[in-house]
Amino acid sequence: MAKKSILSRSFWLIVVAGMTTGMGNGSVFGAAMMCLLGRGPFASWGGEGATAYNPATFTGFIDMAMIVFGIMFCAILVIGLSKHDAIENA
């Protein structure tokens, strides 16, 4: 029986840990932005319904930043684990 790659064995770990850690970092980014800029550049805080994900609103910008940070952290995990798999199986 062939051994699966590290990347295929850790799919859910990448998704769960990557999105959790990345979105946590995105929320810290949003909190720092809120402390530094305030809500001045945004016309609406956008906290209800679909406006919570509209990047033109304050909450939407932070929510989109959290999603982008999560996806990028998943990509970092994929790159790191694929390199680790290549080194381990060389």
Protein backbone atom coordinates (compact mmCIF):
# COMPACT_ATOMS: atom_id res chain seq x y z
CA MET A 1 0.00 0.00 0.00
CA ALA A 2 1.39 3.37 -1.04
CA LYS A 3 1.95 6.00 1.60
CA LYS A 4 -0.16 9.14 1.14
CA SER A 5 1.57 12.48 0.95
CA ILE A 6 1.64 14.75 3.98
CA LEU A 7 -0.42 17.28 2.06
CA SER A 8 -3.26 14.84 1.35
CA ARG A 9 -3.26 13.51 4.92
CA SER A 10 -3.52 16.98 6.42
CA PHE A 11 -6.27 18.55 4.28
CA TRP A 12 -8.67 19.26 7.15
CA LEU A 13 -5.84 20.39 9.39
CA ILE A 14 -4.88 22.94 6.75
CA VAL A 15 -8.45 24.18 6.34
CA VAL A 16 -9.35 24.38 10.03
CA ALA A 17 -6.03 25.55 11.48
CA GLY A 18 -5.28 27.83 8.53
CA MET A 19 -8.61 29.63 8.56
CA THR A 20 -8.72 29.86 12.36
CA THR A 21 -5.22 31.26 12.68
CA GLY A 22 -5.47 33.48 9.60
CA MET A 23 -8.83 34.93 10.56
CA GLY A 24 -7.54 35.56 14.07
CA ASN A 25 -4.66 37.52 12.59
CA GLY A 26 -7.12 39.37 10.35
CA SER A 27 -9.20 40.37 13.36
CA VAL A 28 -6.09 41.75 15.07
CA PHE A 29 -5.37 43.70 11.89
CA GLY A 30 -8.93 45.04 11.97
CA ALA A 31 -8.66 46.01 15.63
CA ALA A 32 -5.37 47.81 15.01
CA MET A 33 -6.88 49.60 12.02
CA MET A 34 -9.87 50.60 14.12
CA CYS A 35 -7.59 51.99 16.83
CA LEU A 36 -5.41 53.90 14.37
CA LEU A 37 -7.96 55.20 11.84
CA GLY A 38 -11.30 55.05 13.55
CA ARG A 39 -14.38 54.70 11.38
CA GLY A 40 -13.88 58.03 9.64
CA PRO A 41 -13.18 56.86 6.05
CA PHE A 42 -16.22 54.55 6.03
CA ALA A 43 -19.72 55.91 5.51
CA SER A 44 -21.44 53.06 7.34
CA TRP A 45 -20.36 50.56 9.93
CA GLY A 46 -22.29 47.87 7.97
CA GLY A 47 -23.18 45.33 10.62
CA GLU A 48 -26.52 43.94 9.46
CA GLY A 49 -27.20 41.25 6.88
CA ALA A 50 -25.20 41.28 3.67
CA THR A 51 -23.70 44.70 4.42
CA ALA A 52 -21.50 42.97 7.00
CA TYR A 53 -19.50 41.58 4.05
CA ASN A 54 -19.53 44.69 1.86
CA PRO A 55 -15.89 45.91 1.77
CA ALA A 56 -17.07 49.52 1.46
CA THR A 57 -18.38 49.40 5.05
CA PHE A 58 -16.21 49.28 8.16
CA THR A 59 -17.30 45.83 9.38
CA GLY A 60 -17.28 44.49 5.83
CA PHE A 61 -13.71 45.62 5.32
CA ILE A 62 -12.60 43.85 8.49
CA ASP A 63 -14.59 40.71 7.61
CA MET A 64 -13.06 40.60 4.14
CA ALA A 65 -9.60 41.15 5.63
CA MET A 66 -10.19 38.21 7.97
CA ILE A 67 -11.27 35.96 5.08
CA VAL A 68 -8.27 37.00 2.96
CA PHE A 69 -5.88 36.45 5.88
CA GLY A 70 -7.41 32.98 6.43
CA ILE A 71 -7.10 31.96 2.79
CA MET A 72 -3.53 33.24 2.60
CA PHE A 73 -2.55 31.39 5.76
CA CYS A 74 -3.99 28.17 4.22
CA ALA A 75 -1.83 28.83 1.16
CA ILE A 76 1.23 29.26 3.39
CA LEU A 77 0.45 25.93 5.06
CA VAL A 78 0.07 24.19 1.68
CA ILE A 79 3.41 25.55 0.48
CA GLY A 80 5.18 24.64 3.72
CA LEU A 81 3.75 21.12 3.93
CA SER A 82 4.43 20.39 0.25
CA LYS A 83 8.08 21.44 0.71
CA HIS A 84 8.27 19.31 3.86
CA ASP A 85 6.80 16.35 1.97
CA ALA A 86 9.31 16.80 -0.85
CA ILE A 87 12.22 16.83 1.59
CA GLU A 88 10.92 13.86 3.59
CA ASN A 89 10.27 11.68 0.52
CA ALA A 90 13.47 12.61 -1.34
